[in-house]
Protein backbone atom coordinates (compact mmCIF):
# COMPACT_ATOMS: atom_id res chain seq x y z
CA MET A 1 55.13 2.05 -12.84
CA LYS A 2 51.45 1.21 -12.46
CA LYS A 3 51.71 1.30 -8.65
CA VAL A 4 53.45 4.68 -8.76
CA PHE A 5 50.69 6.04 -10.99
CA GLU A 6 48.03 4.68 -8.63
CA LYS A 7 49.78 6.31 -5.66
CA ILE A 8 49.88 9.65 -7.49
CA ILE A 9 46.15 9.43 -8.29
CA GLU A 10 45.44 8.45 -4.67
CA GLY A 11 47.44 11.43 -3.45
CA ILE A 12 45.61 13.82 -5.79
CA LEU A 13 42.23 12.52 -4.60
CA ALA A 14 43.29 12.81 -0.95
CA CYS A 15 44.49 16.38 -1.50
CA SER A 16 41.25 17.27 -3.25
CA GLY A 17 39.23 15.97 -0.32
CA PHE A 18 41.44 17.79 2.16
CA VAL A 19 41.26 21.09 0.26
CA THR A 20 37.47 20.80 -0.03
CA SER A 21 37.06 20.12 3.69
CA LEU A 22 39.46 22.93 4.57
CA THR A 23 37.57 25.35 2.32
CA ILE A 24 34.27 24.53 4.04
CA VAL A 25 35.83 25.00 7.49
CA LEU A 26 37.39 28.33 6.44
CA ILE A 27 34.06 29.58 5.07
CA VAL A 28 32.32 28.74 8.35
CA LEU A 29 35.12 30.36 10.38
CA PHE A 30 34.92 33.47 8.19
CA LEU A 31 31.18 33.74 8.79
CA PHE A 32 31.65 33.41 12.54
CA SER A 33 34.54 35.88 12.68
CA GLU A 34 32.56 38.54 10.82
CA ALA A 35 29.34 37.88 12.75
CA VAL A 36 30.61 37.79 16.34
CA GLY A 37 31.50 41.49 16.25
CA LEU A 38 27.79 42.36 16.41
CA PHE A 39 27.72 41.55 20.12
CA HIS A 40 30.54 44.03 20.74
CA SER A 41 28.63 46.86 19.04
CA ARG A 42 26.75 49.47 21.05
CA VAL A 43 22.98 49.87 21.05
CA ILE A 44 23.13 53.61 20.34
CA GLU A 45 24.52 54.70 17.00
CA GLU A 46 28.31 54.99 17.09
CA GLY A 47 29.59 58.44 18.04
CA TYR A 48 26.26 59.57 19.50
CA VAL A 49 24.82 59.76 23.02
CA LEU A 50 21.42 60.09 24.62
CA ALA A 51 21.64 62.95 27.10
CA LEU A 52 19.07 63.55 29.85
CA ASN A 53 18.61 66.21 32.46
CA LYS A 54 20.68 65.65 35.59
CA ASP A 55 17.55 65.06 37.70
CA ASN A 56 16.23 62.29 35.45
CA LYS A 57 16.68 58.95 37.27
CA VAL A 58 16.29 56.70 34.22
CA SER A 59 19.70 55.09 33.72
CA GLU A 60 19.17 52.82 30.72
CA LEU A 61 16.65 51.87 28.06
CA THR A 62 16.36 48.79 25.87
CA PRO A 63 16.67 49.20 22.08
CA VAL A 64 12.91 48.70 21.73
CA GLN A 65 12.19 51.37 24.36
CA ILE A 66 14.56 53.82 22.67
CA LYS A 67 12.80 53.29 19.36
CA ASP A 68 9.36 53.68 20.95
CA VAL A 69 10.47 56.90 22.66
CA PHE A 70 11.69 58.46 19.41
CA ASP A 71 8.63 57.16 17.54
CA GLU A 72 6.55 58.93 20.20
CA GLU A 73 4.81 55.73 21.23
CA ILE A 74 6.22 56.29 24.72
CA THR A 75 5.53 59.87 25.78
CA ASN A 76 6.08 59.88 29.54
CA TRP A 77 9.12 58.88 31.58
CA ARG A 78 6.81 57.01 33.96
CA GLU A 79 6.31 54.37 31.24
CA VAL A 80 10.02 53.43 31.40
CA GLY A 81 10.47 53.57 35.17
CA GLY A 82 11.02 57.30 35.62
CA GLU A 83 9.01 60.15 37.11
CA ASN A 84 5.65 61.37 35.87
CA LEU A 85 7.15 63.77 33.33
CA PRO A 86 6.42 64.30 29.62
CA ILE A 87 9.26 63.30 27.28
CA ARG A 88 10.70 66.08 25.11
CA LEU A 89 12.65 64.82 22.12
CA PHE A 90 15.66 66.68 20.79
CA ARG A 91 17.69 65.89 17.70
CA LEU A 92 20.61 67.86 16.35
CA GLU A 93 18.53 69.40 13.56
CA ASP A 94 16.16 70.84 16.18
CA VAL A 95 18.80 73.20 17.55
CA THR A 96 17.64 76.11 15.37
CA ARG A 97 14.22 75.98 17.07
CA TYR A 98 15.83 76.94 20.37
CA TYR A 99 18.74 79.18 19.37
CA THR A 100 19.42 81.78 16.74
CA GLU A 101 22.29 81.68 14.29
CA GLU A 102 24.01 84.43 16.25
CA GLN A 103 23.85 82.35 19.43
CA LEU A 104 25.12 79.24 17.66
CA GLY A 105 27.92 81.07 15.87
CA ALA A 106 28.80 81.47 12.22
CA SER A 107 30.34 77.98 12.10
CA TYR A 108 28.17 76.56 14.90
CA GLU A 109 31.14 76.80 17.22
CA ASN A 110 28.81 77.48 20.15
CA ALA A 111 26.38 74.64 19.34
CA GLY A 112 27.88 72.30 21.94
CA ALA A 113 27.53 74.81 24.78
CA CYS A 114 23.99 75.69 23.68
CA ILE A 115 22.85 72.04 23.50
CA THR A 116 24.43 71.23 26.87
CA ASP A 117 22.73 74.25 28.40
CA LEU A 118 19.38 73.18 26.92
CA VAL A 119 19.69 69.70 28.44
CA GLU A 120 20.69 71.17 31.82
CA ARG A 121 17.57 73.34 32.11
CA THR A 122 14.93 71.06 30.51
CA PRO A 123 13.71 68.37 32.95
CA GLY A 124 12.03 65.91 30.53
CA ILE A 125 14.42 66.19 27.60
CA VAL A 126 16.21 63.34 25.83
CA ALA A 127 18.79 64.64 23.35
CA PHE A 128 20.22 62.46 20.60
CA VAL A 129 23.40 64.30 19.61
CA PRO A 130 27.03 63.59 18.73
CA ARG A 131 29.15 63.03 21.82
CA GLN A 132 31.33 66.08 21.16
CA PHE A 133 28.30 68.38 21.49
CA ILE A 134 28.03 67.57 25.19
CA VAL A 135 30.77 69.90 26.39
CA ARG A 136 30.07 69.43 30.12
CA PRO A 137 29.34 65.69 30.57
CA ASP A 138 29.23 66.01 34.37
CA SER A 139 26.35 68.48 34.23
CA VAL A 140 24.00 66.13 32.35
CA HIS A 141 22.95 62.51 32.66
CA LEU A 142 24.00 60.19 29.81
CA LEU A 143 22.01 57.02 29.29
CA ARG A 144 24.08 53.88 29.67
CA ASP A 145 25.03 52.54 26.23
CA ASN A 146 25.10 48.75 26.52
CA THR A 147 26.29 46.33 23.89
CA ILE A 148 23.81 44.48 21.70
CA SER A 149 22.73 41.31 23.51
CA LEU A 150 21.70 37.84 22.36
CA LYS A 151 18.17 38.57 23.55
CA ASP A 152 17.97 41.75 21.45
CA VAL A 153 18.96 39.76 18.37
CA PHE A 154 17.34 36.33 18.65
CA ALA A 155 14.21 37.39 20.56
CA GLY A 156 13.81 40.76 18.85
CA ALA A 157 10.53 41.10 16.98
CA GLU A 158 11.61 43.90 14.63
CA TRP A 159 14.26 44.13 11.92
CA PHE A 160 15.03 47.80 11.28
CA PRO A 161 18.83 48.15 10.94
CA THR A 162 18.72 51.79 9.80
CA ALA A 163 16.62 53.06 12.71
CA THR A 164 18.03 55.93 14.76
CA PRO A 165 19.15 56.31 17.43
CA ALA A 166 19.06 52.55 18.12
CA PRO A 167 18.99 50.14 15.15
CA GLN A 168 16.78 47.08 15.58
CA PHE A 169 18.38 43.72 14.75
CA GLY A 170 15.58 41.33 15.71
CA PHE A 171 16.00 38.04 13.84
CA LEU A 172 12.61 36.59 14.78
CA PRO A 173 10.67 37.90 11.73
CA LEU A 174 13.35 36.67 9.32
CA ILE A 175 13.74 33.23 10.93
CA THR A 176 9.99 32.62 11.07
CA GLY A 177 9.57 33.84 7.49
CA THR A 178 12.29 31.46 6.27
CA LEU A 179 10.86 28.48 8.15
CA TRP A 180 7.27 29.17 7.02
CA VAL A 181 8.18 29.45 3.36
CA SER A 182 10.50 26.43 3.43
CA LEU A 183 8.04 24.24 5.34
CA PHE A 184 5.13 24.91 3.00
CA ALA A 185 7.38 24.56 -0.04
CA ILE A 186 8.37 21.06 1.03
CA LEU A 187 4.79 20.14 1.97
CA ILE A 188 3.79 21.09 -1.58
CA ALA A 189 6.81 19.68 -3.42
CA LEU A 190 7.34 16.37 -1.63
CA PRO A 191 4.01 14.62 -2.50
CA PHE A 192 4.18 15.79 -6.11
CA GLY A 193 7.86 14.91 -6.45
CA LEU A 194 7.41 11.46 -4.95
CA ALA A 195 4.34 10.75 -7.12
CA VAL A 196 6.14 11.76 -10.33
CA ALA A 197 9.23 9.75 -9.36
CA VAL A 198 7.09 6.63 -8.71
CA TYR A 199 5.32 7.07 -12.04
CA MET A 200 8.56 7.52 -14.00
CA SER A 201 10.33 4.64 -12.27
CA GLU A 202 7.58 2.04 -11.99
CA VAL A 203 4.69 2.87 -14.33
CA ALA A 204 5.70 4.94 -17.37
CA ASP A 205 7.04 3.25 -20.49
CA HIS A 206 10.48 4.04 -21.91
CA LYS A 207 9.42 6.83 -24.31
CA ILE A 208 7.33 8.73 -21.76
CA ARG A 209 10.05 8.39 -19.14
CA ASN A 210 12.70 9.84 -21.46
CA LEU A 211 10.38 12.70 -22.45
CA MET A 212 9.55 13.56 -18.84
CA LYS A 213 13.20 13.31 -17.81
CA SER A 214 14.17 15.82 -20.49
CA VAL A 215 11.46 18.26 -19.36
CA ILE A 216 12.47 17.92 -15.70
CA GLU A 217 16.14 18.49 -16.52
CA LEU A 218 15.09 21.58 -18.47
CA LEU A 219 13.22 22.87 -15.41
CA SER A 220 16.31 22.46 -13.24
CA GLY A 221 18.32 24.62 -15.63
CA ILE A 222 15.97 27.62 -15.59
CA PRO A 223 17.45 30.61 -13.68
CA SER A 224 15.76 31.47 -10.41
CA VAL A 225 14.93 34.99 -11.59
CA VAL A 226 12.76 33.48 -14.35
CA TYR A 227 10.84 31.54 -11.73
CA GLY A 228 10.50 34.82 -9.86
CA PHE A 229 9.01 36.53 -12.90
CA PHE A 230 6.62 33.60 -13.40
CA GLY A 231 5.53 33.83 -9.78
CA LEU A 232 5.10 37.59 -9.99
CA ILE A 233 3.02 37.51 -13.21
CA VAL A 234 1.01 34.30 -12.72
CA ILE A 235 0.99 33.03 -9.12
CA VAL A 236 0.73 36.35 -7.25
CA PRO A 237 -2.37 37.66 -9.13
CA LEU A 238 -3.97 34.20 -8.92
CA LEU A 239 -3.57 34.03 -5.13
CA GLN A 240 -4.84 37.59 -4.80
CA ARG A 241 -8.04 36.69 -6.63
CA VAL A 242 -8.58 33.26 -5.04
CA PHE A 243 -8.03 34.36 -1.42
CA ASP A 244 -9.30 37.95 -1.87
CA LEU A 245 -6.06 39.45 -0.57
CA PRO A 246 -5.11 43.14 -0.64
CA VAL A 247 -1.77 42.11 -2.19
CA GLY A 248 -0.82 38.78 -3.71
CA GLU A 249 2.80 38.88 -2.59
CA SER A 250 2.80 36.49 0.32
CA GLY A 251 4.52 33.55 1.95
CA LEU A 252 2.27 31.14 0.02
CA ALA A 253 3.41 32.63 -3.31
CA GLY A 254 7.02 32.12 -2.25
CA SER A 255 6.27 28.54 -1.12
CA ILE A 256 4.68 27.64 -4.45
CA VAL A 257 7.57 29.10 -6.44
CA LEU A 258 10.11 27.30 -4.25
CA ALA A 259 8.16 24.05 -4.53
CA ILE A 260 8.32 24.28 -8.33
CA MET A 261 12.05 24.97 -8.12
CA ALA A 262 12.67 22.05 -5.74
CA LEU A 263 10.65 19.53 -7.79
CA PRO A 264 13.37 18.69 -10.38
CA THR A 265 15.88 17.86 -7.64
CA ILE A 266 13.45 15.72 -5.64
CA ILE A 267 12.13 13.91 -8.73
CA THR A 268 15.54 13.21 -10.28
CA VAL A 269 17.23 11.89 -7.14
CA THR A 270 14.19 9.89 -6.00
CA GLU A 271 13.61 8.33 -9.42
CA ASP A 272 17.26 7.27 -9.71
CA ALA A 273 17.10 5.73 -6.23
CA MET A 274 13.97 3.73 -7.11
CA ARG A 275 15.39 2.48 -10.39
CA ASN A 276 18.39 1.14 -8.47
CA CYS A 277 16.11 -1.24 -6.54
CA PRO A 278 17.15 -4.77 -7.69
CA ARG A 279 14.81 -6.39 -10.16
CA ALA A 280 14.95 -9.63 -8.17
CA MET A 281 13.26 -7.92 -5.21
CA ARG A 282 10.40 -6.70 -7.40
CA GLU A 283 9.95 -10.14 -8.99
CA ALA A 284 10.04 -11.87 -5.60
CA SER A 285 7.33 -9.58 -4.29
CA LEU A 286 5.14 -10.14 -7.36
CA ALA A 287 5.73 -13.90 -7.16
CA LEU A 288 4.43 -13.90 -3.59
CA GLY A 289 1.14 -12.45 -4.82
CA ALA A 290 1.68 -8.74 -4.14
CA SER A 291 0.20 -6.28 -6.60
CA GLN A 292 2.32 -3.73 -8.42
CA TRP A 293 1.31 -0.94 -6.01
CA GLN A 294 1.92 -3.14 -2.98
CA THR A 295 5.38 -3.88 -4.35
CA ILE A 296 6.08 -0.18 -4.80
CA TYR A 297 4.89 0.69 -1.30
CA LYS A 298 6.30 -2.32 0.59
CA VAL A 299 9.51 -3.03 -1.34
CA VAL A 300 10.71 -0.28 -3.68
CA ILE A 301 10.15 2.76 -1.46
CA PRO A 302 11.64 1.19 1.71
CA TYR A 303 14.67 0.02 -0.28
CA SER A 304 15.10 3.49 -1.81
CA ILE A 305 14.52 5.49 1.38
CA SER A 306 18.14 6.64 1.54
CA GLY A 307 17.99 8.11 -1.96
CA ILE A 308 14.57 9.63 -1.30
CA THR A 309 15.97 11.25 1.83
CA SER A 310 18.85 12.68 -0.19
CA GLY A 311 16.41 14.16 -2.67
CA VAL A 312 14.36 15.69 0.12
CA VAL A 313 17.46 17.18 1.76
CA LEU A 314 18.67 18.65 -1.53
CA GLY A 315 15.19 20.02 -2.24
CA ILE A 316 14.93 21.58 1.21
CA GLY A 317 18.41 23.02 0.78
CA ARG A 318 17.37 24.78 -2.38
CA ALA A 319 14.18 26.03 -0.76
CA VAL A 320 15.92 27.37 2.35
CA GLY A 321 18.76 29.06 0.49
CA GLU A 322 16.87 30.52 -2.48
CA THR A 323 17.14 34.28 -2.83
CA MET A 324 15.95 36.06 -5.95
CA ALA A 325 12.66 34.28 -6.62
CA VAL A 326 11.59 34.62 -2.98
CA LEU A 327 12.59 38.28 -2.89
CA MET A 328 10.29 38.97 -5.85
CA VAL A 329 7.09 37.26 -4.69
CA THR A 330 6.94 37.28 -0.87
CA GLY A 331 6.34 41.00 -0.36
CA ASN A 332 9.69 41.55 1.38
CA ALA A 333 8.08 42.66 4.66
CA ALA A 334 10.24 42.08 7.74
CA VAL A 335 7.36 41.27 10.08
CA ILE A 336 6.41 38.13 11.98
CA PRO A 337 3.81 36.35 9.81
CA HIS A 338 0.71 34.95 11.49
CA THR A 339 -0.57 33.16 8.39
CA ILE A 340 1.08 31.95 5.22
CA LEU A 341 -1.05 34.44 3.24
CA GLU A 342 0.77 37.45 4.73
CA PRO A 343 3.83 39.17 3.21
CA LEU A 344 7.10 38.16 4.83
CA ARG A 345 10.85 38.19 4.32
CA THR A 346 13.37 35.35 4.41
CA ILE A 347 16.98 35.32 5.59
CA PRO A 348 18.56 34.84 2.11
CA ALA A 349 16.41 37.62 0.64
CA THR A 350 17.45 39.98 3.44
CA ILE A 351 21.15 39.27 2.93
CA ALA A 352 20.86 39.74 -0.84
CA ALA A 353 18.85 42.96 -0.56
CA GLU A 354 20.91 44.70 2.14
CA LEU A 355 24.52 43.49 2.05
CA GLY A 356 25.48 45.91 -0.72
CA GLU A 357 24.20 48.89 1.29
CA ALA A 358 25.59 47.93 4.72
CA PRO A 359 28.83 49.76 5.67
CA ALA A 360 31.65 47.22 5.91
CA GLY A 361 32.52 46.44 9.51
CA GLY A 362 29.42 48.13 10.94
CA ALA A 363 26.72 46.56 13.09
CA HIS A 364 24.37 46.14 10.11
CA TYR A 365 27.11 44.38 8.13
CA GLU A 366 27.89 42.06 11.06
CA ALA A 367 24.19 41.32 11.60
CA LEU A 368 23.87 40.14 7.99
CA PHE A 369 26.82 37.79 8.47
CA LEU A 370 25.19 36.49 11.65
CA LEU A 371 22.07 35.81 9.57
CA GLY A 372 24.30 33.72 7.32
CA VAL A 373 25.44 31.74 10.37
CA VAL A 374 21.79 31.20 11.41
CA LEU A 375 20.95 30.01 7.88
CA PHE A 376 23.90 27.60 8.02
CA PHE A 377 22.63 26.10 11.28
CA ILE A 378 19.06 25.85 9.97
CA SER A 379 20.32 23.87 6.96
CA LEU A 380 22.49 21.72 9.24
CA LEU A 381 19.57 21.02 11.57
CA ILE A 382 17.32 20.06 8.65
CA ASN A 383 19.97 17.67 7.32
CA PHE A 384 20.47 16.01 10.70
CA THR A 385 16.72 15.74 11.29
CA VAL A 386 15.99 14.13 7.93
CA GLU A 387 18.94 11.75 8.34
CA ALA A 388 17.75 10.78 11.82
CA VAL A 389 14.22 10.10 10.52
CA SER A 390 15.64 8.10 7.64
CA SER A 391 17.87 6.05 9.95
CA GLY A 392 14.89 5.32 12.21
CA LYS A 393 12.90 4.02 9.25
CA ARG A 394 15.73 1.74 8.12
CA LYS A 395 15.96 0.03 11.56
């Protein structure tokens, strides 16, 4: 009977492990399946075309060039490989500037013929209109509408998913913002976390250790939005005054908030790992004439490096994946930061802020899922890197 019970327990544990592993694999597959559709989407907004005069030799434009043209930063076709001809922009709402209501018809039934005629007789025009309004496609020149490429996404320097006629899905500002905030958060949190863990494990007496442990556990239970409010009310104004910034919302504010949030995890895991160092090893070191601090540095920390690494990985994981607190204090600006004192935006904050507004199945929606895939790989890379460093130290 006992063996049967043990087999049942063993089967339940095996099933639990299998279900957990399968769930993780399915989540990753779901992210990939939703994200990969972005590279099948067209650069120009769905259902629309960019129509040029028949004599215009420009055959295609990159998403950045299209945006610059419609932002009037590019004003001559010569700048994009065409003839020396001024660019004339035309959007659907501009049709009443060229034609009267009588010409367009009571229900705009003649709008398509009018717009097509306008494109035919205007040399430098670029018309952003629905496809059905080009009634004679052979009489005009339609810009080639390519699919969104890997270069447009991973090397793009601008994130503007609602831009028309060509949304910008450049991941570079979001990736750099995430890495900057996470890196500085760990640089701030790791020395403090390790110092507190050493004090609690090796120096503090029993009463102080229990008191500090209770406070640290309390910190780990505080919701992230409360940390965000603390950062917004205390840290942001302080940084603004100290560094004489126009606005205090910056990457440094996000790093400090994330460092505070990561401290309980790093301290708890590291302190537990150090306390698991055998007492015999400490006594042997002291018996050989080593001081207490030499014992900590030469014996306890090397023995506990695996647990310390786990604490660092868990702390980094919280820093990389944090959403609400970062969204509140970093300025939420999707630009490539040049210093940590500039406003920026992270990948988790972008997903949290925009997923509810992105049309399901659209390019914006798929781009947000692809950001989730990128975040997954960043976390995976951090884990592998820390484990590799830890393994090298143990050899």
